[in-house]
Amino acid sequence: MPQKGEMTVQDAGRKGGRTTKARHGPKFYETIGRKGGETTKKRHGPKFYERIGRKGGQRARQLVAQAKRLKQT
């Protein structure tokens, strides 16, 4: 438990994010997100997105099936 005047890592991250947003605005996040996506595409190619999309779909299917099983009991 943090002492008075200390903050957790989570609090520090939140504070930093808010400060960055106030300083640079929401467009900043759009720009860096787009740059990151383009860089990832160049490094890994379009097959990478197919692979991670398939993994996400499989995980979603698993979670839905798990929820249905829990609901039946």
PDB file of N, CA and C in Angstrom:
ATOM      1  N   MET A   1       0.844  -1.178   0.000  1.00  0.00           N
ATOM      2  CA  MET A   1       0.000   0.000   0.000  1.00  0.00           C
ATOM      3  C   MET A   1       0.892   1.245   0.000  1.00  0.00           C
ATOM      4  N   PRO A   2       0.696   2.141  -0.953  1.00  0.00           N
ATOM      5  CA  PRO A   2       1.542   3.333  -0.994  1.00  0.00           C
ATOM      6  C   PRO A   2       1.301   4.252   0.210  1.00  0.00           C
ATOM      7  N   GLN A   3       2.358   4.886   0.626  1.00  0.00           N
ATOM      8  CA  GLN A   3       2.274   5.868   1.705  1.00  0.00           C
ATOM      9  C   GLN A   3       1.639   7.149   1.161  1.00  0.00           C
ATOM     10  N   LYS A   4       1.212   8.018   2.054  1.00  0.00           N
ATOM     11  CA  LYS A   4       0.640   9.291   1.628  1.00  0.00           C
ATOM     12  C   LYS A   4       1.695  10.060   0.822  1.00  0.00           C
ATOM     13  N   GLY A   5       1.301  10.553  -0.319  1.00  0.00           N
ATOM     14  CA  GLY A   5       2.243  11.292  -1.163  1.00  0.00           C
ATOM     15  C   GLY A   5       2.918  10.416  -2.205  1.00  0.00           C
ATOM     16  N   GLU A   6       2.809   9.090  -2.066  1.00  0.00           N
ATOM     17  CA  GLU A   6       3.385   8.178  -3.053  1.00  0.00           C
ATOM     18  C   GLU A   6       2.267   7.738  -3.994  1.00  0.00           C
ATOM     19  N   MET A   7       2.664   7.285  -5.177  1.00  0.00           N
ATOM     20  CA  MET A   7       1.644   6.793  -6.095  1.00  0.00           C
ATOM     21  C   MET A   7       2.063   5.444  -6.644  1.00  0.00           C
ATOM     22  N   THR A   8       1.080   4.681  -7.064  1.00  0.00           N
ATOM     23  CA  THR A   8       1.349   3.373  -7.646  1.00  0.00           C
ATOM     24  C   THR A   8       1.820   3.554  -9.078  1.00  0.00           C
ATOM     25  N   VAL A   9       2.336   2.501  -9.651  1.00  0.00           N
ATOM     26  CA  VAL A   9       2.755   2.531 -11.048  1.00  0.00           C
ATOM     27  C   VAL A   9       1.546   2.830 -11.933  1.00  0.00           C
ATOM     28  N   GLN A  10       0.408   2.241 -11.582  1.00  0.00           N
ATOM     29  CA  GLN A  10      -0.824   2.472 -12.338  1.00  0.00           C
ATOM     30  C   GLN A  10      -1.214   3.957 -12.292  1.00  0.00           C
ATOM     31  N   ASP A  11      -1.129   4.556 -11.110  1.00  0.00           N
ATOM     32  CA  ASP A  11      -1.459   5.979 -10.971  1.00  0.00           C
ATOM     33  C   ASP A  11      -0.491   6.844 -11.776  1.00  0.00           C
ATOM     34  N   ALA A  12       0.781   6.504 -11.733  1.00  0.00           N
ATOM     35  CA  ALA A  12       1.786   7.270 -12.472  1.00  0.00           C
ATOM     36  C   ALA A  12       1.541   7.178 -13.973  1.00  0.00           C
ATOM     37  N   GLY A  13       1.204   5.994 -14.462  1.00  0.00           N
ATOM     38  CA  GLY A  13       0.910   5.818 -15.877  1.00  0.00           C
ATOM     39  C   GLY A  13      -0.308   6.611 -16.307  1.00  0.00           C
ATOM     40  N   ARG A  14      -1.333   6.581 -15.487  1.00  0.00           N
ATOM     41  CA  ARG A  14      -2.560   7.324 -15.772  1.00  0.00           C
ATOM     42  C   ARG A  14      -2.261   8.824 -15.817  1.00  0.00           C
ATOM     43  N   LYS A  15      -1.481   9.297 -14.846  1.00  0.00           N
ATOM     44  CA  LYS A  15      -1.135  10.717 -14.791  1.00  0.00           C
ATOM     45  C   LYS A  15      -0.316  11.121 -16.019  1.00  0.00           C
ATOM     46  N   GLY A  16       0.620  10.275 -16.408  1.00  0.00           N
ATOM     47  CA  GLY A  16       1.434  10.557 -17.587  1.00  0.00           C
ATOM     48  C   GLY A  16       0.611  10.587 -18.863  1.00  0.00           C
ATOM     49  N   GLY A  17      -0.339   9.665 -18.961  1.00  0.00           N
ATOM     50  CA  GLY A  17      -1.218   9.633 -20.132  1.00  0.00           C
ATOM     51  C   GLY A  17      -2.081  10.876 -20.228  1.00  0.00           C
ATOM     52  N   ARG A  18      -2.610  11.302 -19.111  1.00  0.00           N
ATOM     53  CA  ARG A  18      -3.436  12.516 -19.094  1.00  0.00           C
ATOM     54  C   ARG A  18      -2.613  13.750 -19.449  1.00  0.00           C
ATOM     55  N   THR A  19      -1.381  13.801 -18.927  1.00  0.00           N
ATOM     56  CA  THR A  19      -0.504  14.929 -19.232  1.00  0.00           C
ATOM     57  C   THR A  19      -0.164  14.959 -20.717  1.00  0.00           C
ATOM     58  N   THR A  20       0.134  13.793 -21.274  1.00  0.00           N
ATOM     59  CA  THR A  20       0.445  13.703 -22.702  1.00  0.00           C
ATOM     60  C   THR A  20      -0.743  14.126 -23.540  1.00  0.00           C
ATOM     61  N   LYS A  21      -1.927  13.680 -23.168  1.00  0.00           N
ATOM     62  CA  LYS A  21      -3.144  14.059 -23.896  1.00  0.00           C
ATOM     63  C   LYS A  21      -3.365  15.567 -23.840  1.00  0.00           C
ATOM     64  N   ALA A  22      -3.164  16.147 -22.651  1.00  0.00           N
ATOM     65  CA  ALA A  22      -3.355  17.592 -22.501  1.00  0.00           C
ATOM     66  C   ALA A  22      -2.321  18.368 -23.310  1.00  0.00           C
ATOM     67  N   ARG A  23      -1.118  17.865 -23.350  1.00  0.00           N
ATOM     68  CA  ARG A  23      -0.030  18.565 -24.042  1.00  0.00           C
ATOM     69  C   ARG A  23      -0.134  18.431 -25.553  1.00  0.00           C
ATOM     70  N   HIS A  24      -0.453  17.228 -26.046  1.00  0.00           N
ATOM     71  CA  HIS A  24      -0.397  16.959 -27.490  1.00  0.00           C
ATOM     72  C   HIS A  24      -1.765  16.798 -28.140  1.00  0.00           C
ATOM     73  N   GLY A  25      -2.794  16.523 -27.359  1.00  0.00           N
ATOM     74  CA  GLY A  25      -4.137  16.349 -27.903  1.00  0.00           C
ATOM     75  C   GLY A  25      -4.384  14.936 -28.394  1.00  0.00           C
ATOM     76  N   PRO A  26      -5.649  14.598 -28.627  1.00  0.00           N
ATOM     77  CA  PRO A  26      -6.012  13.238 -29.042  1.00  0.00           C
ATOM     78  C   PRO A  26      -5.465  12.849 -30.421  1.00  0.00           C
ATOM     79  N   LYS A  27      -5.265  13.826 -31.293  1.00  0.00           N
ATOM     80  CA  LYS A  27      -4.717  13.542 -32.632  1.00  0.00           C
ATOM     81  C   LYS A  27      -3.350  12.872 -32.527  1.00  0.00           C
ATOM     82  N   PHE A  28      -2.600  13.219 -31.508  1.00  0.00           N
ATOM     83  CA  PHE A  28      -1.277  12.644 -31.282  1.00  0.00           C
ATOM     84  C   PHE A  28      -1.362  11.124 -31.207  1.00  0.00           C
ATOM     85  N   TYR A  29      -2.362  10.629 -30.470  1.00  0.00           N
ATOM     86  CA  TYR A  29      -2.521   9.182 -30.315  1.00  0.00           C
ATOM     87  C   TYR A  29      -2.908   8.529 -31.638  1.00  0.00           C
ATOM     88  N   GLU A  30      -3.735   9.212 -32.434  1.00  0.00           N
ATOM     89  CA  GLU A  30      -4.094   8.693 -33.754  1.00  0.00           C
ATOM     90  C   GLU A  30      -2.846   8.556 -34.621  1.00  0.00           C
ATOM     91  N   THR A  31      -2.012   9.580 -34.594  1.00  0.00           N
ATOM     92  CA  THR A  31      -0.804   9.594 -35.420  1.00  0.00           C
ATOM     93  C   THR A  31       0.163   8.491 -35.018  1.00  0.00           C
ATOM     94  N   ILE A  32       0.441   8.362 -33.724  1.00  0.00           N
ATOM     95  CA  ILE A  32       1.404   7.341 -33.312  1.00  0.00           C
ATOM     96  C   ILE A  32       0.832   5.939 -33.515  1.00  0.00           C
ATOM     97  N   GLY A  33      -0.478   5.795 -33.371  1.00  0.00           N
ATOM     98  CA  GLY A  33      -1.110   4.493 -33.625  1.00  0.00           C
ATOM     99  C   GLY A  33      -0.975   4.093 -35.083  1.00  0.00           C
ATOM    100  N   ARG A  34      -1.209   5.044 -35.971  1.00  0.00           N
ATOM    101  CA  ARG A  34      -1.095   4.783 -37.407  1.00  0.00           C
ATOM    102  C   ARG A  34       0.361   4.432 -37.763  1.00  0.00           C
ATOM    103  N   LYS A  35       1.312   5.206 -37.223  1.00  0.00           N
ATOM    104  CA  LYS A  35       2.730   4.937 -37.496  1.00  0.00           C
ATOM    105  C   LYS A  35       3.119   3.540 -37.014  1.00  0.00           C
ATOM    106  N   GLY A  36       2.638   3.182 -35.830  1.00  0.00           N
ATOM    107  CA  GLY A  36       2.942   1.862 -35.287  1.00  0.00           C
ATOM    108  C   GLY A  36       2.353   0.754 -36.143  1.00  0.00           C
ATOM    109  N   GLY A  37       1.132   0.962 -36.618  1.00  0.00           N
ATOM    110  CA  GLY A  37       0.493  -0.029 -37.481  1.00  0.00           C
ATOM    111  C   GLY A  37       1.232  -0.194 -38.804  1.00  0.00           C
ATOM    112  N   GLU A  38       1.667   0.920 -39.379  1.00  0.00           N
ATOM    113  CA  GLU A  38       2.412   0.856 -40.644  1.00  0.00           C
ATOM    114  C   GLU A  38       3.749   0.143 -40.455  1.00  0.00           C
ATOM    115  N   THR A  39       4.430   0.455 -39.357  1.00  0.00           N
ATOM    116  CA  THR A  39       5.713  -0.191 -39.073  1.00  0.00           C
ATOM    117  C   THR A  39       5.529  -1.690 -38.878  1.00  0.00           C
ATOM    118  N   THR A  40       4.495  -2.072 -38.151  1.00  0.00           N
ATOM    119  CA  THR A  40       4.211  -3.497 -37.927  1.00  0.00           C
ATOM    120  C   THR A  40       3.918  -4.186 -39.248  1.00  0.00           C
ATOM    121  N   LYS A  41       3.154  -3.536 -40.103  1.00  0.00           N
ATOM    122  CA  LYS A  41       2.822  -4.113 -41.408  1.00  0.00           C
ATOM    123  C   LYS A  41       4.080  -4.309 -42.252  1.00  0.00           C
ATOM    124  N   LYS A  42       4.984  -3.331 -42.222  1.00  0.00           N
ATOM    125  CA  LYS A  42       6.235  -3.449 -42.985  1.00  0.00           C
ATOM    126  C   LYS A  42       7.108  -4.584 -42.442  1.00  0.00           C
ATOM    127  N   ARG A  43       7.181  -4.699 -41.130  1.00  0.00           N
ATOM    128  CA  ARG A  43       8.032  -5.721 -40.518  1.00  0.00           C
ATOM    129  C   ARG A  43       7.479  -7.133 -40.690  1.00  0.00           C
ATOM    130  N   HIS A  44       6.167  -7.276 -40.517  1.00  0.00           N
ATOM    131  CA  HIS A  44       5.583  -8.608 -40.444  1.00  0.00           C
ATOM    132  C   HIS A  44       4.728  -8.989 -41.639  1.00  0.00           C
ATOM    133  N   GLY A  45       4.277  -8.010 -42.403  1.00  0.00           N
ATOM    134  CA  GLY A  45       3.462  -8.288 -43.579  1.00  0.00           C
ATOM    135  C   GLY A  45       2.008  -8.552 -43.241  1.00  0.00           C
ATOM    136  N   PRO A  46       1.176  -8.605 -44.284  1.00  0.00           N
ATOM    137  CA  PRO A  46      -0.259  -8.780 -44.070  1.00  0.00           C
ATOM    138  C   PRO A  46      -0.631 -10.136 -43.458  1.00  0.00           C
ATOM    139  N   LYS A  47       0.179 -11.150 -43.661  1.00  0.00           N
ATOM    140  CA  LYS A  47      -0.106 -12.482 -43.092  1.00  0.00           C
ATOM    141  C   LYS A  47      -0.146 -12.418 -41.566  1.00  0.00           C
ATOM    142  N   PHE A  48       0.654 -11.530 -41.005  1.00  0.00           N
ATOM    143  CA  PHE A  48       0.695 -11.359 -39.548  1.00  0.00           C
ATOM    144  C   PHE A  48      -0.688 -10.984 -39.025  1.00  0.00           C
ATOM    145  N   TYR A  49      -1.346 -10.051 -39.700  1.00  0.00           N
ATOM    146  CA  TYR A  49      -2.671  -9.616 -39.267  1.00  0.00           C
ATOM    147  C   TYR A  49      -3.696 -10.733 -39.427  1.00  0.00           C
ATOM    148  N   GLU A  50      -3.551 -11.526 -40.469  1.00  0.00           N
ATOM    149  CA  GLU A  50      -4.442 -12.684 -40.637  1.00  0.00           C
ATOM    150  C   GLU A  50      -4.287 -13.647 -39.468  1.00  0.00           C
ATOM    151  N   ARG A  51      -3.033 -13.898 -39.103  1.00  0.00           N
ATOM    152  CA  ARG A  51      -2.737 -14.839 -38.021  1.00  0.00           C
ATOM    153  C   ARG A  51      -3.290 -14.345 -36.685  1.00  0.00           C
ATOM    154  N   ILE A  52      -3.029 -13.074 -36.355  1.00  0.00           N
ATOM    155  CA  ILE A  52      -3.503 -12.591 -35.060  1.00  0.00           C
ATOM    156  C   ILE A  52      -5.021 -12.430 -35.048  1.00  0.00           C
ATOM    157  N   GLY A  53      -5.609 -12.131 -36.206  1.00  0.00           N
ATOM    158  CA  GLY A  53      -7.065 -12.052 -36.286  1.00  0.00           C
ATOM    159  C   GLY A  53      -7.705 -13.405 -36.044  1.00  0.00           C
ATOM    160  N   ARG A  54      -7.089 -14.441 -36.602  1.00  0.00           N
ATOM    161  CA  ARG A  54      -7.594 -15.806 -36.410  1.00  0.00           C
ATOM    162  C   ARG A  54      -7.487 -16.199 -34.942  1.00  0.00           C
ATOM    163  N   LYS A  55      -6.361 -15.850 -34.314  1.00  0.00           N
ATOM    164  CA  LYS A  55      -6.188 -16.163 -32.893  1.00  0.00           C
ATOM    165  C   LYS A  55      -7.249 -15.464 -32.058  1.00  0.00           C
ATOM    166  N   GLY A  56      -7.529 -14.199 -32.373  1.00  0.00           N
ATOM    167  CA  GLY A  56      -8.555 -13.455 -31.640  1.00  0.00           C
ATOM    168  C   GLY A  56      -9.919 -14.087 -31.810  1.00  0.00           C
ATOM    169  N   GLY A  57     -10.223 -14.533 -33.028  1.00  0.00           N
ATOM    170  CA  GLY A  57     -11.504 -15.187 -33.287  1.00  0.00           C
ATOM    171  C   GLY A  57     -11.639 -16.493 -32.534  1.00  0.00           C
ATOM    172  N   GLN A  58     -10.544 -17.246 -32.482  1.00  0.00           N
ATOM    173  CA  GLN A  58     -10.563 -18.513 -31.746  1.00  0.00           C
ATOM    174  C   GLN A  58     -10.784 -18.259 -30.262  1.00  0.00           C
ATOM    175  N   ARG A  59     -10.127 -17.251 -29.731  1.00  0.00           N
ATOM    176  CA  ARG A  59     -10.261 -16.932 -28.309  1.00  0.00           C
ATOM    177  C   ARG A  59     -11.683 -16.486 -28.000  1.00  0.00           C
ATOM    178  N   ALA A  60     -12.252 -15.672 -28.872  1.00  0.00           N
ATOM    179  CA  ALA A  60     -13.634 -15.221 -28.669  1.00  0.00           C
ATOM    180  C   ALA A  60     -14.585 -16.411 -28.677  1.00  0.00           C
ATOM    181  N   ARG A  61     -14.373 -17.350 -29.599  1.00  0.00           N
ATOM    182  CA  ARG A  61     -15.203 -18.552 -29.660  1.00  0.00           C
ATOM    183  C   ARG A  61     -15.106 -19.344 -28.357  1.00  0.00           C
ATOM    184  N   GLN A  62     -13.879 -19.470 -27.828  1.00  0.00           N
ATOM    185  CA  GLN A  62     -13.673 -20.195 -26.577  1.00  0.00           C
ATOM    186  C   GLN A  62     -14.424 -19.521 -25.426  1.00  0.00           C
ATOM    187  N   LEU A  63     -14.344 -18.206 -25.357  1.00  0.00           N
ATOM    188  CA  LEU A  63     -15.005 -17.476 -24.270  1.00  0.00           C
ATOM    189  C   LEU A  63     -16.522 -17.590 -24.356  1.00  0.00           C
ATOM    190  N   VAL A  64     -17.066 -17.550 -25.563  1.00  0.00           N
ATOM    191  CA  VAL A  64     -18.516 -17.698 -25.741  1.00  0.00           C
ATOM    192  C   VAL A  64     -18.955 -19.093 -25.305  1.00  0.00           C
ATOM    193  N   ALA A  65     -18.204 -20.109 -25.722  1.00  0.00           N
ATOM    194  CA  ALA A  65     -18.524 -21.485 -25.343  1.00  0.00           C
ATOM    195  C   ALA A  65     -18.453 -21.657 -23.824  1.00  0.00           C
ATOM    196  N   GLN A  66     -17.439 -21.064 -23.209  1.00  0.00           N
ATOM    197  CA  GLN A  66     -17.279 -21.150 -21.756  1.00  0.00           C
ATOM    198  C   GLN A  66     -18.468 -20.478 -21.063  1.00  0.00           C
ATOM    199  N   ALA A  67     -18.878 -19.324 -21.535  1.00  0.00           N
ATOM    200  CA  ALA A  67     -20.015 -18.617 -20.942  1.00  0.00           C
ATOM    201  C   ALA A  67     -21.294 -19.438 -21.072  1.00  0.00           C
ATOM    202  N   LYS A  68     -21.483 -20.080 -22.217  1.00  0.00           N
ATOM    203  CA  LYS A  68     -22.677 -20.910 -22.417  1.00  0.00           C
ATOM    204  C   LYS A  68     -22.678 -22.090 -21.452  1.00  0.00           C
ATOM    205  N   ARG A  69     -21.511 -22.714 -21.268  1.00  0.00           N
ATOM    206  CA  ARG A  69     -21.422 -23.833 -20.319  1.00  0.00           C
ATOM    207  C   ARG A  69     -21.740 -23.384 -18.904  1.00  0.00           C
ATOM    208  N   LEU A  70     -21.230 -22.241 -18.514  1.00  0.00           N
ATOM    209  CA  LEU A  70     -21.484 -21.740 -17.165  1.00  0.00           C
ATOM    210  C   LEU A  70     -22.955 -21.396 -16.976  1.00  0.00           C
ATOM    211  N   LYS A  71     -23.571 -20.886 -18.003  1.00  0.00           N
ATOM    212  CA  LYS A  71     -24.982 -20.510 -17.924  1.00  0.00           C
ATOM    213  C   LYS A  71     -25.877 -21.742 -17.766  1.00  0.00           C
ATOM    214  N   GLN A  72     -25.467 -22.864 -18.342  1.00  0.00           N
ATOM    215  CA  GLN A  72     -26.246 -24.097 -18.276  1.00  0.00           C
ATOM    216  C   GLN A  72     -26.208 -24.723 -16.896  1.00  0.00           C
ATOM    217  N   THR A  73     -25.187 -24.463 -16.121  1.00  0.00           N
ATOM    218  CA  THR A  73     -25.071 -25.084 -14.796  1.00  0.00           C
ATOM    219  C   THR A  73     -25.738 -24.288 -13.725  1.00  0.00           C
TER     220      THR A  73
END
